[in-house]
Amino acid sequence: MTEQEIFNKIADMIAERFEIDRDKITNDLNFQNDLDADSIDFVELVMDMEDTFGSEIPDDEAEKLQTVGEAVNYVKEHQN
């Protein structure tokens, strides 16, 4: 899967979960600062990503993901 395909899937998840306009989602979007995501929101997003991309994201790794771009890079580097 390409980086753009990964970005599109993650952006779609974020748009749906946080009810944000899909066009406003960029690699620089910060989950906590820009989306005001609390820990439950973020855990649910990570679970969606695990289901969508078929790989587990350990809690200690998930905690390091602060932006959409970091999430995209993580998935790209760990895809099966």
C-alpha atoms as a PDB file:
ATOM      1  CA  MET A   1       0.000   0.000   0.000  1.00  0.00           C
ATOM      2  CA  THR A   2       1.366   3.404  -0.906  1.00  0.00           C
ATOM      3  CA  GLU A   3       1.845   6.280   1.502  1.00  0.00           C
ATOM      4  CA  GLN A   4      -1.000   8.165  -0.205  1.00  0.00           C
ATOM      5  CA  GLU A   5      -3.365   5.184   0.152  1.00  0.00           C
ATOM      6  CA  ILE A   6      -2.495   4.908   3.843  1.00  0.00           C
ATOM      7  CA  PHE A   7      -3.018   8.652   4.317  1.00  0.00           C
ATOM      8  CA  ASN A   8      -6.407   8.483   2.580  1.00  0.00           C
ATOM      9  CA  LYS A   9      -7.635   5.645   4.790  1.00  0.00           C
ATOM     10  CA  ILE A  10      -6.461   7.326   7.984  1.00  0.00           C
ATOM     11  CA  ALA A  11      -7.913  10.675   6.878  1.00  0.00           C
ATOM     12  CA  ASP A  12     -11.266   9.004   6.185  1.00  0.00           C
ATOM     13  CA  MET A  13     -11.239   7.457   9.677  1.00  0.00           C
ATOM     14  CA  ILE A  14     -10.423  10.816  11.276  1.00  0.00           C
ATOM     15  CA  ALA A  15     -13.061  12.673   9.253  1.00  0.00           C
ATOM     16  CA  GLU A  16     -15.721  10.195  10.331  1.00  0.00           C
ATOM     17  CA  ARG A  17     -14.675   9.803  13.976  1.00  0.00           C
ATOM     18  CA  PHE A  18     -14.052  13.503  14.687  1.00  0.00           C
ATOM     19  CA  GLU A  19     -16.659  14.921  12.295  1.00  0.00           C
ATOM     20  CA  ILE A  20     -14.113  17.125  10.553  1.00  0.00           C
ATOM     21  CA  ASP A  21     -14.060  18.161   6.912  1.00  0.00           C
ATOM     22  CA  ARG A  22     -11.879  15.646   5.053  1.00  0.00           C
ATOM     23  CA  ASP A  23     -10.175  18.489   3.157  1.00  0.00           C
ATOM     24  CA  LYS A  24      -8.813  19.950   6.409  1.00  0.00           C
ATOM     25  CA  ILE A  25      -6.827  16.819   7.250  1.00  0.00           C
ATOM     26  CA  THR A  26      -3.107  17.116   6.522  1.00  0.00           C
ATOM     27  CA  ASN A  27       0.015  15.254   7.631  1.00  0.00           C
ATOM     28  CA  ASP A  28       0.659  18.052  10.145  1.00  0.00           C
ATOM     29  CA  LEU A  29      -2.711  17.672  11.871  1.00  0.00           C
ATOM     30  CA  ASN A  30      -2.065  16.999  15.564  1.00  0.00           C
ATOM     31  CA  PHE A  31      -4.475  14.569  17.222  1.00  0.00           C
ATOM     32  CA  GLN A  32      -4.491  16.300  20.590  1.00  0.00           C
ATOM     33  CA  ASN A  33      -3.987  19.950  19.667  1.00  0.00           C
ATOM     34  CA  ASP A  34      -6.006  20.171  16.437  1.00  0.00           C
ATOM     35  CA  LEU A  35      -8.681  17.540  17.044  1.00  0.00           C
ATOM     36  CA  ASP A  36      -8.886  17.881  20.823  1.00  0.00           C
ATOM     37  CA  ALA A  37      -8.771  14.084  20.963  1.00  0.00           C
ATOM     38  CA  ASP A  38      -8.856  12.655  24.450  1.00  0.00           C
ATOM     39  CA  SER A  39      -7.216   9.350  25.330  1.00  0.00           C
ATOM     40  CA  ILE A  40     -10.371   7.348  24.586  1.00  0.00           C
ATOM     41  CA  ASP A  41     -10.776   8.979  21.167  1.00  0.00           C
ATOM     42  CA  PHE A  42      -7.166   8.210  20.359  1.00  0.00           C
ATOM     43  CA  VAL A  43      -7.332   4.590  21.556  1.00  0.00           C
ATOM     44  CA  GLU A  44     -10.423   4.042  19.394  1.00  0.00           C
ATOM     45  CA  LEU A  45      -8.652   5.587  16.393  1.00  0.00           C
ATOM     46  CA  VAL A  46      -5.632   3.327  16.939  1.00  0.00           C
ATOM     47  CA  MET A  47      -7.955   0.298  17.155  1.00  0.00           C
ATOM     48  CA  ASP A  48      -9.568   1.351  13.857  1.00  0.00           C
ATOM     49  CA  MET A  49      -6.115   1.630  12.303  1.00  0.00           C
ATOM     50  CA  GLU A  50      -5.162  -1.824  13.595  1.00  0.00           C
ATOM     51  CA  ASP A  51      -8.332  -3.319  12.098  1.00  0.00           C
ATOM     52  CA  THR A  52      -7.936  -1.491   8.793  1.00  0.00           C
ATOM     53  CA  PHE A  53      -4.253  -2.205   8.272  1.00  0.00           C
ATOM     54  CA  GLY A  54      -4.116  -5.642   9.909  1.00  0.00           C
ATOM     55  CA  SER A  55      -1.277  -5.009  12.309  1.00  0.00           C
ATOM     56  CA  GLU A  56      -1.066  -4.327  16.009  1.00  0.00           C
ATOM     57  CA  ILE A  57       0.241  -0.992  17.254  1.00  0.00           C
ATOM     58  CA  PRO A  58       1.742  -1.478  20.727  1.00  0.00           C
ATOM     59  CA  ASP A  59       0.623   1.060  23.335  1.00  0.00           C
ATOM     60  CA  ASP A  60       4.126   2.468  23.796  1.00  0.00           C
ATOM     61  CA  GLU A  61       4.398   3.045  20.032  1.00  0.00           C
ATOM     62  CA  ALA A  62       0.877   4.492  19.772  1.00  0.00           C
ATOM     63  CA  GLU A  63       1.704   7.067  22.453  1.00  0.00           C
ATOM     64  CA  LYS A  64       4.452   8.459  20.190  1.00  0.00           C
ATOM     65  CA  LEU A  65       2.033   9.130  17.326  1.00  0.00           C
ATOM     66  CA  GLN A  66       1.045  12.775  17.585  1.00  0.00           C
ATOM     67  CA  THR A  67       0.281  13.738  13.999  1.00  0.00           C
ATOM     68  CA  VAL A  68      -1.416  12.190  10.994  1.00  0.00           C
ATOM     69  CA  GLY A  69       1.952  12.081   9.213  1.00  0.00           C
ATOM     70  CA  GLU A  70       3.522  10.116  12.073  1.00  0.00           C
ATOM     71  CA  ALA A  71       0.639   7.630  11.965  1.00  0.00           C
ATOM     72  CA  VAL A  72       0.985   7.257   8.190  1.00  0.00           C
ATOM     73  CA  ASN A  73       4.739   6.668   8.495  1.00  0.00           C
ATOM     74  CA  TYR A  74       4.239   4.129  11.281  1.00  0.00           C
ATOM     75  CA  VAL A  75       1.735   2.135   9.236  1.00  0.00           C
ATOM     76  CA  LYS A  76       3.934   2.345   6.125  1.00  0.00           C
ATOM     77  CA  GLU A  77       6.974   1.034   8.010  1.00  0.00           C
ATOM     78  CA  HIS A  78       5.044  -1.779   9.729  1.00  0.00           C
ATOM     79  CA  GLN A  79       2.724  -3.038   7.019  1.00  0.00           C
ATOM     80  CA  ASN A  80       2.661  -6.795   6.469  1.00  0.00           C
END
